[in-house]
């Protein structure tokens, strides 16, 4: 930490990209069923014609053509199916 309380990036160790990649690969299977459920909700709620599996995970709601009402409906379904966990969505 710097005297001002910020992270001293100069003294951080370099990232281990092999470990990060392995970690991401390991976690991928753990979230795929959640992603599948969420993408199904999103495609149905927003009226998208693509299949849930082809939904771009990096797309924003605006890029998907979502309206504010569509987002509220999707969040409601996510909460009803308890996909949000204990985090506020």
PDB file of N, CA and C in Angstrom:
ATOM      1  N   UNK A   1       0.837  -1.174   0.000  1.00  0.00           N
ATOM      2  CA  UNK A   1       0.000   0.000   0.000  1.00  0.00           C
ATOM      3  C   UNK A   1       0.884   1.241   0.000  1.00  0.00           C
ATOM      4  N   UNK A   2       0.400   2.249  -0.678  1.00  0.00           N
ATOM      5  CA  UNK A   2       1.109   3.524  -0.683  1.00  0.00           C
ATOM      6  C   UNK A   2       0.712   4.303   0.565  1.00  0.00           C
ATOM      7  N   UNK A   3       1.438   5.349   0.881  1.00  0.00           N
ATOM      8  CA  UNK A   3       1.074   6.153   2.055  1.00  0.00           C
ATOM      9  C   UNK A   3      -0.336   6.735   1.970  1.00  0.00           C
ATOM     10  N   UNK A   4      -0.864   6.865   0.742  1.00  0.00           N
ATOM     11  CA  UNK A   4      -2.213   7.420   0.592  1.00  0.00           C
ATOM     12  C   UNK A   4      -3.292   6.340   0.633  1.00  0.00           C
ATOM     13  N   UNK A   5      -2.896   5.068   0.859  1.00  0.00           N
ATOM     14  CA  UNK A   5      -3.863   3.994   0.984  1.00  0.00           C
ATOM     15  C   UNK A   5      -4.214   3.280  -0.312  1.00  0.00           C
ATOM     16  N   UNK A   6      -3.508   3.597  -1.386  1.00  0.00           N
ATOM     17  CA  UNK A   6      -3.772   2.941  -2.671  1.00  0.00           C
ATOM     18  C   UNK A   6      -2.866   1.721  -2.832  1.00  0.00           C
ATOM     19  N   UNK A   7      -3.246   0.839  -3.733  1.00  0.00           N
ATOM     20  CA  UNK A   7      -2.423  -0.342  -4.018  1.00  0.00           C
ATOM     21  C   UNK A   7      -1.164   0.104  -4.748  1.00  0.00           C
ATOM     22  N   UNK A   8      -0.021  -0.345  -4.251  1.00  0.00           N
ATOM     23  CA  UNK A   8       1.262  -0.032  -4.875  1.00  0.00           C
ATOM     24  C   UNK A   8       1.510  -1.062  -5.983  1.00  0.00           C
ATOM     25  N   UNK A   9       1.051  -0.761  -7.184  1.00  0.00           N
ATOM     26  CA  UNK A   9       1.099  -1.713  -8.292  1.00  0.00           C
ATOM     27  C   UNK A   9       2.518  -2.080  -8.715  1.00  0.00           C
ATOM     28  N   UNK A  10       3.460  -1.224  -8.467  1.00  0.00           N
ATOM     29  CA  UNK A  10       4.846  -1.497  -8.844  1.00  0.00           C
ATOM     30  C   UNK A  10       5.386  -2.698  -8.065  1.00  0.00           C
ATOM     31  N   UNK A  11       4.941  -2.866  -6.838  1.00  0.00           N
ATOM     32  CA  UNK A  11       5.457  -3.935  -5.990  1.00  0.00           C
ATOM     33  C   UNK A  11       4.614  -5.211  -6.018  1.00  0.00           C
ATOM     34  N   UNK A  12       3.578  -5.241  -6.837  1.00  0.00           N
ATOM     35  CA  UNK A  12       2.777  -6.459  -6.970  1.00  0.00           C
ATOM     36  C   UNK A  12       3.530  -7.495  -7.798  1.00  0.00           C
ATOM     37  N   UNK A  13       3.353  -8.778  -7.487  1.00  0.00           N
ATOM     38  CA  UNK A  13       3.985  -9.810  -8.326  1.00  0.00           C
ATOM     39  C   UNK A  13       3.291  -9.866  -9.681  1.00  0.00           C
ATOM     40  N   UNK A  14       3.994 -10.327 -10.710  1.00  0.00           N
ATOM     41  CA  UNK A  14       3.351 -10.429 -12.023  1.00  0.00           C
ATOM     42  C   UNK A  14       2.254 -11.496 -11.985  1.00  0.00           C
ATOM     43  N   UNK A  15       1.186 -11.311 -12.762  1.00  0.00           N
ATOM     44  CA  UNK A  15       0.104 -12.300 -12.753  1.00  0.00           C
ATOM     45  C   UNK A  15       0.555 -13.628 -13.354  1.00  0.00           C
ATOM     46  N   UNK A  16       0.028 -14.711 -12.818  1.00  0.00           N
ATOM     47  CA  UNK A  16       0.313 -16.048 -13.325  1.00  0.00           C
ATOM     48  C   UNK A  16      -0.852 -16.444 -14.239  1.00  0.00           C
ATOM     49  N   UNK A  17      -0.718 -16.175 -15.539  1.00  0.00           N
ATOM     50  CA  UNK A  17      -1.803 -16.385 -16.477  1.00  0.00           C
ATOM     51  C   UNK A  17      -2.174 -17.856 -16.628  1.00  0.00           C
ATOM     52  N   UNK A  18      -1.208 -18.760 -16.444  1.00  0.00           N
ATOM     53  CA  UNK A  18      -1.521 -20.189 -16.514  1.00  0.00           C
ATOM     54  C   UNK A  18      -2.480 -20.582 -15.396  1.00  0.00           C
ATOM     55  N   UNK A  19      -2.229 -20.080 -14.217  1.00  0.00           N
ATOM     56  CA  UNK A  19      -3.087 -20.392 -13.075  1.00  0.00           C
ATOM     57  C   UNK A  19      -4.471 -19.761 -13.249  1.00  0.00           C
ATOM     58  N   UNK A  20      -4.510 -18.533 -13.756  1.00  0.00           N
ATOM     59  CA  UNK A  20      -5.784 -17.860 -13.989  1.00  0.00           C
ATOM     60  C   UNK A  20      -6.600 -18.630 -15.014  1.00  0.00           C
ATOM     61  N   UNK A  21      -5.973 -19.054 -16.097  1.00  0.00           N
ATOM     62  CA  UNK A  21      -6.655 -19.803 -17.141  1.00  0.00           C
ATOM     63  C   UNK A  21      -7.191 -21.123 -16.608  1.00  0.00           C
ATOM     64  N   UNK A  22      -6.385 -21.832 -15.824  1.00  0.00           N
ATOM     65  CA  UNK A  22      -6.821 -23.102 -15.248  1.00  0.00           C
ATOM     66  C   UNK A  22      -8.000 -22.875 -14.313  1.00  0.00           C
ATOM     67  N   UNK A  23      -7.928 -21.830 -13.522  1.00  0.00           N
ATOM     68  CA  UNK A  23      -9.011 -21.521 -12.597  1.00  0.00           C
ATOM     69  C   UNK A  23     -10.296 -21.226 -13.353  1.00  0.00           C
ATOM     70  N   UNK A  24     -10.201 -20.472 -14.436  1.00  0.00           N
ATOM     71  CA  UNK A  24     -11.386 -20.161 -15.237  1.00  0.00           C
ATOM     72  C   UNK A  24     -11.969 -21.415 -15.866  1.00  0.00           C
ATOM     73  N   UNK A  25     -11.115 -22.311 -16.353  1.00  0.00           N
ATOM     74  CA  UNK A  25     -11.590 -23.563 -16.939  1.00  0.00           C
ATOM     75  C   UNK A  25     -12.290 -24.419 -15.900  1.00  0.00           C
ATOM     76  N   UNK A  26     -11.750 -24.476 -14.690  1.00  0.00           N
ATOM     77  CA  UNK A  26     -12.354 -25.257 -13.614  1.00  0.00           C
ATOM     78  C   UNK A  26     -13.719 -24.690 -13.224  1.00  0.00           C
ATOM     79  N   UNK A  27     -13.814 -23.358 -13.152  1.00  0.00           N
ATOM     80  CA  UNK A  27     -15.062 -22.714 -12.750  1.00  0.00           C
ATOM     81  C   UNK A  27     -16.118 -22.755 -13.847  1.00  0.00           C
ATOM     82  N   UNK A  28     -15.701 -22.900 -15.099  1.00  0.00           N
ATOM     83  CA  UNK A  28     -16.628 -22.843 -16.224  1.00  0.00           C
ATOM     84  C   UNK A  28     -17.742 -23.873 -16.110  1.00  0.00           C
ATOM     85  N   UNK A  29     -17.410 -25.102 -15.744  1.00  0.00           N
ATOM     86  CA  UNK A  29     -18.428 -26.141 -15.636  1.00  0.00           C
ATOM     87  C   UNK A  29     -19.358 -25.892 -14.450  1.00  0.00           C
ATOM     88  N   UNK A  30     -18.868 -25.201 -13.434  1.00  0.00           N
ATOM     89  CA  UNK A  30     -19.689 -24.941 -12.263  1.00  0.00           C
ATOM     90  C   UNK A  30     -20.787 -23.921 -12.539  1.00  0.00           C
ATOM     91  N   UNK A  31     -20.566 -23.021 -13.482  1.00  0.00           N
ATOM     92  CA  UNK A  31     -21.563 -21.982 -13.733  1.00  0.00           C
ATOM     93  C   UNK A  31     -22.350 -22.201 -15.013  1.00  0.00           C
ATOM     94  N   UNK A  32     -22.028 -23.236 -15.755  1.00  0.00           N
ATOM     95  CA  UNK A  32     -22.699 -23.413 -17.039  1.00  0.00           C
ATOM     96  C   UNK A  32     -24.193 -23.654 -16.889  1.00  0.00           C
ATOM     97  N   UNK A  33     -24.631 -24.383 -15.869  1.00  0.00           N
ATOM     98  CA  UNK A  33     -26.072 -24.609 -15.709  1.00  0.00           C
ATOM     99  C   UNK A  33     -26.773 -23.311 -15.303  1.00  0.00           C
ATOM    100  N   UNK A  34     -26.113 -22.500 -14.490  1.00  0.00           N
ATOM    101  CA  UNK A  34     -26.673 -21.206 -14.124  1.00  0.00           C
ATOM    102  C   UNK A  34     -26.751 -20.306 -15.349  1.00  0.00           C
ATOM    103  N   UNK A  35     -25.682 -20.283 -16.136  1.00  0.00           N
ATOM    104  CA  UNK A  35     -25.687 -19.481 -17.362  1.00  0.00           C
ATOM    105  C   UNK A  35     -26.789 -19.926 -18.308  1.00  0.00           C
ATOM    106  N   UNK A  36     -26.987 -21.216 -18.400  1.00  0.00           N
ATOM    107  CA  UNK A  36     -28.027 -21.745 -19.287  1.00  0.00           C
ATOM    108  C   UNK A  36     -29.412 -21.267 -18.842  1.00  0.00           C
ATOM    109  N   UNK A  37     -29.670 -21.332 -17.544  1.00  0.00           N
ATOM    110  CA  UNK A  37     -30.961 -20.882 -17.017  1.00  0.00           C
ATOM    111  C   UNK A  37     -31.155 -19.384 -17.239  1.00  0.00           C
ATOM    112  N   UNK A  38     -30.098 -18.612 -16.976  1.00  0.00           N
ATOM    113  CA  UNK A  38     -30.189 -17.165 -17.156  1.00  0.00           C
ATOM    114  C   UNK A  38     -30.369 -16.784 -18.620  1.00  0.00           C
ATOM    115  N   UNK A  39     -29.641 -17.450 -19.505  1.00  0.00           N
ATOM    116  CA  UNK A  39     -29.768 -17.111 -20.929  1.00  0.00           C
ATOM    117  C   UNK A  39     -31.148 -17.490 -21.462  1.00  0.00           C
ATOM    118  N   UNK A  40     -31.740 -18.555 -20.928  1.00  0.00           N
ATOM    119  CA  UNK A  40     -33.103 -18.917 -21.326  1.00  0.00           C
ATOM    120  C   UNK A  40     -34.082 -17.840 -20.888  1.00  0.00           C
ATOM    121  N   UNK A  41     -33.952 -17.383 -19.654  1.00  0.00           N
ATOM    122  CA  UNK A  41     -34.817 -16.309 -19.158  1.00  0.00           C
ATOM    123  C   UNK A  41     -34.653 -15.062 -20.008  1.00  0.00           C
ATOM    124  N   UNK A  42     -33.419 -14.699 -20.307  1.00  0.00           N
ATOM    125  CA  UNK A  42     -33.158 -13.477 -21.071  1.00  0.00           C
ATOM    126  C   UNK A  42     -33.707 -13.572 -22.489  1.00  0.00           C
ATOM    127  N   UNK A  43     -33.468 -14.683 -23.175  1.00  0.00           N
ATOM    128  CA  UNK A  43     -33.961 -14.796 -24.549  1.00  0.00           C
ATOM    129  C   UNK A  43     -35.485 -14.782 -24.597  1.00  0.00           C
ATOM    130  N   UNK A  44     -36.126 -15.463 -23.648  1.00  0.00           N
ATOM    131  CA  UNK A  44     -37.587 -15.491 -23.643  1.00  0.00           C
ATOM    132  C   UNK A  44     -38.183 -14.143 -23.254  1.00  0.00           C
ATOM    133  N   UNK A  45     -37.614 -13.509 -22.225  1.00  0.00           N
ATOM    134  CA  UNK A  45     -38.141 -12.242 -21.737  1.00  0.00           C
ATOM    135  C   UNK A  45     -37.951 -11.110 -22.742  1.00  0.00           C
ATOM    136  N   UNK A  46     -36.789 -11.086 -23.397  1.00  0.00           N
ATOM    137  CA  UNK A  46     -36.507 -10.014 -24.346  1.00  0.00           C
ATOM    138  C   UNK A  46     -37.036 -10.318 -25.743  1.00  0.00           C
ATOM    139  N   UNK A  47     -37.610 -11.513 -25.928  1.00  0.00           N
ATOM    140  CA  UNK A  47     -38.167 -11.877 -27.231  1.00  0.00           C
ATOM    141  C   UNK A  47     -37.110 -12.065 -28.300  1.00  0.00           C
ATOM    142  N   UNK A  48     -35.953 -12.595 -27.915  1.00  0.00           N
ATOM    143  CA  UNK A  48     -34.868 -12.799 -28.874  1.00  0.00           C
ATOM    144  C   UNK A  48     -35.125 -14.053 -29.703  1.00  0.00           C
ATOM    145  N   UNK A  49     -34.689 -14.030 -30.951  1.00  0.00           N
ATOM    146  CA  UNK A  49     -34.906 -15.179 -31.827  1.00  0.00           C
ATOM    147  C   UNK A  49     -33.746 -16.169 -31.800  1.00  0.00           C
ATOM    148  N   UNK A  50     -32.635 -15.807 -31.165  1.00  0.00           N
ATOM    149  CA  UNK A  50     -31.493 -16.730 -31.090  1.00  0.00           C
ATOM    150  C   UNK A  50     -31.749 -17.766 -30.005  1.00  0.00           C
ATOM    151  N   UNK A  51     -31.031 -18.867 -30.073  1.00  0.00           N
ATOM    152  CA  UNK A  51     -31.154 -19.885 -29.034  1.00  0.00           C
ATOM    153  C   UNK A  51     -30.402 -19.410 -27.792  1.00  0.00           C
ATOM    154  N   UNK A  52     -30.832 -19.828 -26.611  1.00  0.00           N
ATOM    155  CA  UNK A  52     -30.141 -19.411 -25.383  1.00  0.00           C
ATOM    156  C   UNK A  52     -28.649 -19.747 -25.391  1.00  0.00           C
ATOM    157  N   UNK A  53     -28.276 -20.863 -26.009  1.00  0.00           N
ATOM    158  CA  UNK A  53     -26.870 -21.256 -26.010  1.00  0.00           C
ATOM    159  C   UNK A  53     -26.010 -20.364 -26.896  1.00  0.00           C
ATOM    160  N   UNK A  54     -26.630 -19.658 -27.840  1.00  0.00           N
ATOM    161  CA  UNK A  54     -25.848 -18.787 -28.720  1.00  0.00           C
ATOM    162  C   UNK A  54     -25.835 -17.334 -28.252  1.00  0.00           C
ATOM    163  N   UNK A  55     -26.421 -17.066 -27.102  1.00  0.00           N
ATOM    164  CA  UNK A  55     -26.447 -15.715 -26.553  1.00  0.00           C
ATOM    165  C   UNK A  55     -25.036 -15.281 -26.192  1.00  0.00           C
ATOM    166  N   UNK A  56     -24.648 -14.079 -26.597  1.00  0.00           N
ATOM    167  CA  UNK A  56     -23.326 -13.551 -26.303  1.00  0.00           C
ATOM    168  C   UNK A  56     -23.248 -13.175 -24.831  1.00  0.00           C
ATOM    169  N   UNK A  57     -22.397 -13.862 -24.090  1.00  0.00           N
ATOM    170  CA  UNK A  57     -22.290 -13.641 -22.646  1.00  0.00           C
ATOM    171  C   UNK A  57     -21.773 -12.240 -22.319  1.00  0.00           C
ATOM    172  N   UNK A  58     -21.074 -11.605 -23.249  1.00  0.00           N
ATOM    173  CA  UNK A  58     -20.519 -10.278 -23.010  1.00  0.00           C
ATOM    174  C   UNK A  58     -21.433  -9.151 -23.476  1.00  0.00           C
ATOM    175  N   UNK A  59     -22.577  -9.490 -24.067  1.00  0.00           N
ATOM    176  CA  UNK A  59     -23.480  -8.466 -24.573  1.00  0.00           C
ATOM    177  C   UNK A  59     -24.166  -7.737 -23.417  1.00  0.00           C
ATOM    178  N   UNK A  60     -24.364  -6.446 -23.603  1.00  0.00           N
ATOM    179  CA  UNK A  60     -25.095  -5.669 -22.605  1.00  0.00           C
ATOM    180  C   UNK A  60     -26.586  -5.785 -22.886  1.00  0.00           C
ATOM    181  N   UNK A  61     -27.392  -5.398 -21.908  1.00  0.00           N
ATOM    182  CA  UNK A  61     -28.834  -5.417 -22.124  1.00  0.00           C
ATOM    183  C   UNK A  61     -29.223  -4.528 -23.298  1.00  0.00           C
ATOM    184  N   UNK A  62     -28.570  -3.383 -23.439  1.00  0.00           N
ATOM    185  CA  UNK A  62     -28.871  -2.478 -24.545  1.00  0.00           C
ATOM    186  C   UNK A  62     -28.560  -3.138 -25.886  1.00  0.00           C
ATOM    187  N   UNK A  63     -27.443  -3.862 -25.954  1.00  0.00           N
ATOM    188  CA  UNK A  63     -27.081  -4.548 -27.195  1.00  0.00           C
ATOM    189  C   UNK A  63     -28.069  -5.659 -27.530  1.00  0.00           C
ATOM    190  N   UNK A  64     -28.716  -6.209 -26.520  1.00  0.00           N
ATOM    191  CA  UNK A  64     -29.714  -7.256 -26.745  1.00  0.00           C
ATOM    192  C   UNK A  64     -31.091  -6.674 -27.072  1.00  0.00           C
ATOM    193  N   UNK A  65     -31.191  -5.350 -27.001  1.00  0.00           N
ATOM    194  CA  UNK A  65     -32.452  -4.697 -27.328  1.00  0.00           C
ATOM    195  C   UNK A  65     -33.458  -4.729 -26.195  1.00  0.00           C
ATOM    196  N   UNK A  66     -32.979  -4.827 -24.979  1.00  0.00           N
ATOM    197  CA  UNK A  66     -33.868  -4.920 -23.828  1.00  0.00           C
ATOM    198  C   UNK A  66     -34.460  -3.568 -23.470  1.00  0.00           C
ATOM    199  N   UNK A  67     -35.703  -3.605 -23.039  1.00  0.00           N
ATOM    200  CA  UNK A  67     -36.337  -2.403 -22.503  1.00  0.00           C
ATOM    201  C   UNK A  67     -36.242  -2.460 -20.986  1.00  0.00           C
ATOM    202  N   UNK A  68     -36.522  -1.349 -20.329  1.00  0.00           N
ATOM    203  CA  UNK A  68     -36.474  -1.346 -18.867  1.00  0.00           C
ATOM    204  C   UNK A  68     -37.512  -2.312 -18.301  1.00  0.00           C
ATOM    205  N   UNK A  69     -38.666  -2.420 -18.946  1.00  0.00           N
ATOM    206  CA  UNK A  69     -39.690  -3.353 -18.497  1.00  0.00           C
ATOM    207  C   UNK A  69     -39.215  -4.799 -18.668  1.00  0.00           C
ATOM    208  N   UNK A  70     -38.538  -5.086 -19.778  1.00  0.00           N
ATOM    209  CA  UNK A  70     -37.995  -6.424 -20.007  1.00  0.00           C
ATOM    210  C   UNK A  70     -36.970  -6.806 -18.958  1.00  0.00           C
ATOM    211  N   UNK A  71     -36.134  -5.864 -18.572  1.00  0.00           N
ATOM    212  CA  UNK A  71     -35.122  -6.122 -17.541  1.00  0.00           C
ATOM    213  C   UNK A  71     -35.796  -6.418 -16.204  1.00  0.00           C
ATOM    214  N   UNK A  72     -36.829  -5.655 -15.866  1.00  0.00           N
ATOM    215  CA  UNK A  72     -37.556  -5.882 -14.612  1.00  0.00           C
ATOM    216  C   UNK A  72     -38.223  -7.256 -14.623  1.00  0.00           C
ATOM    217  N   UNK A  73     -38.808  -7.641 -15.768  1.00  0.00           N
ATOM    218  CA  UNK A  73     -39.424  -8.966 -15.880  1.00  0.00           C
ATOM    219  C   UNK A  73     -38.380 -10.068 -15.717  1.00  0.00           C
ATOM    220  N   UNK A  74     -37.225  -9.891 -16.349  1.00  0.00           N
ATOM    221  CA  UNK A  74     -36.157 -10.891 -16.245  1.00  0.00           C
ATOM    222  C   UNK A  74     -35.677 -11.011 -14.800  1.00  0.00           C
ATOM    223  N   UNK A  75     -35.477  -9.892 -14.130  1.00  0.00           N
ATOM    224  CA  UNK A  75     -35.045  -9.922 -12.730  1.00  0.00           C
ATOM    225  C   UNK A  75     -36.084 -10.592 -11.844  1.00  0.00           C
ATOM    226  N   UNK A  76     -37.352 -10.354 -12.136  1.00  0.00           N
ATOM    227  CA  UNK A  76     -38.421 -10.987 -11.372  1.00  0.00           C
ATOM    228  C   UNK A  76     -38.376 -12.506 -11.533  1.00  0.00           C
ATOM    229  N   UNK A  77     -38.194 -12.986 -12.762  1.00  0.00           N
ATOM    230  CA  UNK A  77     -38.094 -14.427 -13.003  1.00  0.00           C
ATOM    231  C   UNK A  77     -36.857 -15.022 -12.336  1.00  0.00           C
ATOM    232  N   UNK A  78     -35.749 -14.285 -12.375  1.00  0.00           N
ATOM    233  CA  UNK A  78     -34.519 -14.748 -11.739  1.00  0.00           C
ATOM    234  C   UNK A  78     -34.736 -14.908 -10.239  1.00  0.00           C
ATOM    235  N   UNK A  79     -35.408 -13.942  -9.641  1.00  0.00           N
ATOM    236  CA  UNK A  79     -35.700 -14.022  -8.198  1.00  0.00           C
ATOM    237  C   UNK A  79     -36.681 -15.155  -7.898  1.00  0.00           C
ATOM    238  N   UNK A  80     -37.711 -15.317  -8.733  1.00  0.00           N
ATOM    239  CA  UNK A  80     -38.694 -16.383  -8.517  1.00  0.00           C
ATOM    240  C   UNK A  80     -38.034 -17.756  -8.562  1.00  0.00           C
ATOM    241  N   UNK A  81     -37.080 -17.921  -9.459  1.00  0.00           N
ATOM    242  CA  UNK A  81     -36.392 -19.212  -9.583  1.00  0.00           C
ATOM    243  C   UNK A  81     -35.200 -19.324  -8.640  1.00  0.00           C
ATOM    244  N   UNK A  82     -35.031 -18.295  -7.791  1.00  0.00           N
ATOM    245  CA  UNK A  82     -33.961 -18.267  -6.787  1.00  0.00           C
ATOM    246  C   UNK A  82     -32.577 -18.451  -7.409  1.00  0.00           C
ATOM    247  N   UNK A  83     -32.375 -17.846  -8.579  1.00  0.00           N
ATOM    248  CA  UNK A  83     -31.085 -17.906  -9.245  1.00  0.00           C
ATOM    249  C   UNK A  83     -30.150 -16.814  -8.775  1.00  0.00           C
ATOM    250  N   UNK A  84     -30.708 -15.820  -8.082  1.00  0.00           N
ATOM    251  CA  UNK A  84     -29.903 -14.691  -7.649  1.00  0.00           C
ATOM    252  C   UNK A  84     -29.166 -14.986  -6.353  1.00  0.00           C
ATOM    253  N   UNK A  85     -29.470 -16.068  -5.683  1.00  0.00           N
ATOM    254  CA  UNK A  85     -28.804 -16.366  -4.413  1.00  0.00           C
ATOM    255  C   UNK A  85     -29.136 -15.332  -3.377  1.00  0.00           C
ATOM    256  N   UNK A  86     -28.191 -15.026  -2.518  1.00  0.00           N
ATOM    257  CA  UNK A  86     -28.421 -14.050  -1.475  1.00  0.00           C
ATOM    258  C   UNK A  86     -27.990 -12.655  -1.887  1.00  0.00           C
ATOM    259  N   UNK A  87     -27.474 -12.522  -3.112  1.00  0.00           N
ATOM    260  CA  UNK A  87     -27.032 -11.216  -3.583  1.00  0.00           C
ATOM    261  C   UNK A  87     -28.220 -10.434  -4.091  1.00  0.00           C
ATOM    262  N   UNK A  88     -28.178  -9.125  -3.902  1.00  0.00           N
ATOM    263  CA  UNK A  88     -29.240  -8.309  -4.464  1.00  0.00           C
ATOM    264  C   UNK A  88     -29.000  -8.124  -5.940  1.00  0.00           C
ATOM    265  N   UNK A  89     -30.045  -8.237  -6.714  1.00  0.00           N
ATOM    266  CA  UNK A  89     -29.937  -8.108  -8.179  1.00  0.00           C
ATOM    267  C   UNK A  89     -30.673  -6.881  -8.590  1.00  0.00           C
TER     268      UNK A  89
END
